[in-house]
């Protein structure tokens, strides 16, 4: 089941407290970025984030779920109605996420 556009828009609206959240569509799902770092994604109408130490501390009981078959497990965000929490979550996660890899130059 692919993520609906309505759910994607809802998640993006809830994340609007953190400036600069963007997404990229990938086979019916969406990878989410903040400050050009991958923070997680929207998969099958579920908002999942990378299991950084801060995310684990802030959501100690969040289940780990696979975004798709063969992928590394991520944390399910079930407190999506709380915009302040989401802003704090992304702010805490960003320093723990790797910098984006430079793109190869085309010749």
Protein backbone atom coordinates (compact mmCIF):
# COMPACT_ATOMS: atom_id res chain seq x y z
CA UNK A 1 0.00 0.00 0.00
CA UNK A 2 1.53 3.32 -1.03
CA UNK A 3 1.26 6.43 1.10
CA UNK A 4 -1.64 8.70 0.22
CA UNK A 5 -1.02 12.30 -0.81
CA UNK A 6 -3.39 13.37 1.97
CA UNK A 7 -1.30 11.64 4.64
CA UNK A 8 1.92 13.06 3.17
CA UNK A 9 0.44 16.56 3.26
CA UNK A 10 -0.75 16.02 6.85
CA UNK A 11 2.73 14.96 8.01
CA UNK A 12 4.36 17.89 6.22
CA UNK A 13 1.87 20.28 7.80
CA UNK A 14 2.63 18.84 11.25
CA UNK A 15 6.36 19.31 10.57
CA UNK A 16 5.90 22.90 9.41
CA UNK A 17 7.18 24.18 12.78
CA UNK A 18 10.66 23.16 11.66
CA UNK A 19 11.70 25.29 8.73
CA UNK A 20 13.24 23.58 5.75
CA UNK A 21 11.70 20.10 5.84
CA UNK A 22 11.59 18.74 2.31
CA UNK A 23 10.74 15.41 0.73
CA UNK A 24 11.56 13.28 -2.27
CA UNK A 25 9.09 10.81 -3.75
CA UNK A 26 10.41 7.27 -4.08
CA UNK A 27 8.16 4.55 -5.51
CA UNK A 28 4.96 5.77 -3.85
CA UNK A 29 6.66 6.64 -0.58
CA UNK A 30 8.52 9.73 0.63
CA UNK A 31 11.98 10.32 2.07
CA UNK A 32 12.05 13.31 4.44
CA UNK A 33 14.97 15.72 4.79
CA UNK A 34 15.80 18.51 7.23
CA UNK A 35 18.77 20.73 6.48
CA UNK A 36 19.59 18.31 3.64
CA UNK A 37 19.94 15.38 6.06
CA UNK A 38 17.66 12.34 5.84
CA UNK A 39 15.56 12.26 9.01
CA UNK A 40 13.20 9.47 8.00
CA UNK A 41 10.25 9.01 5.72
CA UNK A 42 6.61 8.32 5.17
CA UNK A 43 5.96 4.69 4.30
CA UNK A 44 2.54 3.03 4.00
CA UNK A 45 0.92 5.98 5.81
CA UNK A 46 3.40 5.71 8.70
CA UNK A 47 5.86 8.42 9.73
CA UNK A 48 9.17 6.74 10.57
CA UNK A 49 12.41 8.39 11.72
CA UNK A 50 15.99 7.19 11.97
CA UNK A 51 16.70 5.63 15.38
CA UNK A 52 19.23 8.19 16.60
CA UNK A 53 20.09 8.25 20.32
CA UNK A 54 17.98 11.40 20.78
CA UNK A 55 14.99 9.90 18.99
CA UNK A 56 15.24 6.76 21.15
CA UNK A 57 15.40 8.89 24.33
CA UNK A 58 12.44 11.02 23.28
CA UNK A 59 10.34 8.01 22.20
CA UNK A 60 11.50 5.17 24.48
CA UNK A 61 8.46 3.01 23.80
CA UNK A 62 8.17 3.62 20.07
CA UNK A 63 8.15 0.41 18.08
CA UNK A 64 10.85 -0.27 15.52
CA UNK A 65 9.32 -0.95 12.10
CA UNK A 66 10.71 -1.68 8.69
CA UNK A 67 9.81 0.94 6.08
CA UNK A 68 9.91 -1.73 3.37
CA UNK A 69 11.22 -5.25 2.92
CA UNK A 70 14.98 -5.46 3.36
CA UNK A 71 15.37 -1.98 4.90
CA UNK A 72 16.80 -1.13 8.30
CA UNK A 73 14.19 -0.66 11.02
CA UNK A 74 13.16 2.84 11.97
CA UNK A 75 11.19 4.34 14.86
CA UNK A 76 7.45 4.80 14.39
CA UNK A 77 6.34 8.30 15.38
CA UNK A 78 2.93 7.93 16.98
CA UNK A 79 2.81 11.41 18.58
CA UNK A 80 2.31 13.10 15.23
CA UNK A 81 -0.43 15.43 16.48
CA UNK A 82 2.04 17.31 18.72
CA UNK A 83 3.87 19.84 16.52
CA UNK A 84 6.05 21.08 19.38
CA UNK A 85 7.23 17.53 20.02
CA UNK A 86 8.01 16.99 16.32
CA UNK A 87 10.02 20.20 16.14
CA UNK A 88 11.97 19.20 19.27
CA UNK A 89 12.52 15.70 17.87
CA UNK A 90 13.99 16.92 14.59
CA UNK A 91 16.10 19.56 16.37
CA UNK A 92 17.55 16.88 18.67
CA UNK A 93 18.16 14.39 15.85
CA UNK A 94 19.96 16.68 13.39
CA UNK A 95 23.39 16.83 15.08
CA UNK A 96 23.41 13.01 15.25
CA UNK A 97 22.69 12.45 11.57
CA UNK A 98 25.44 12.17 8.96
CA UNK A 99 26.11 15.04 6.60
CA UNK A 100 24.78 14.54 3.10
CA UNK A 101 27.16 12.81 0.73
CA UNK A 102 28.47 15.02 -2.07
CA UNK A 103 26.98 14.22 -5.42
CA UNK A 104 29.26 12.97 -8.14
CA UNK A 105 29.95 15.50 -10.86
CA UNK A 106 28.71 14.77 -14.33
CA UNK A 107 31.31 14.96 -17.05
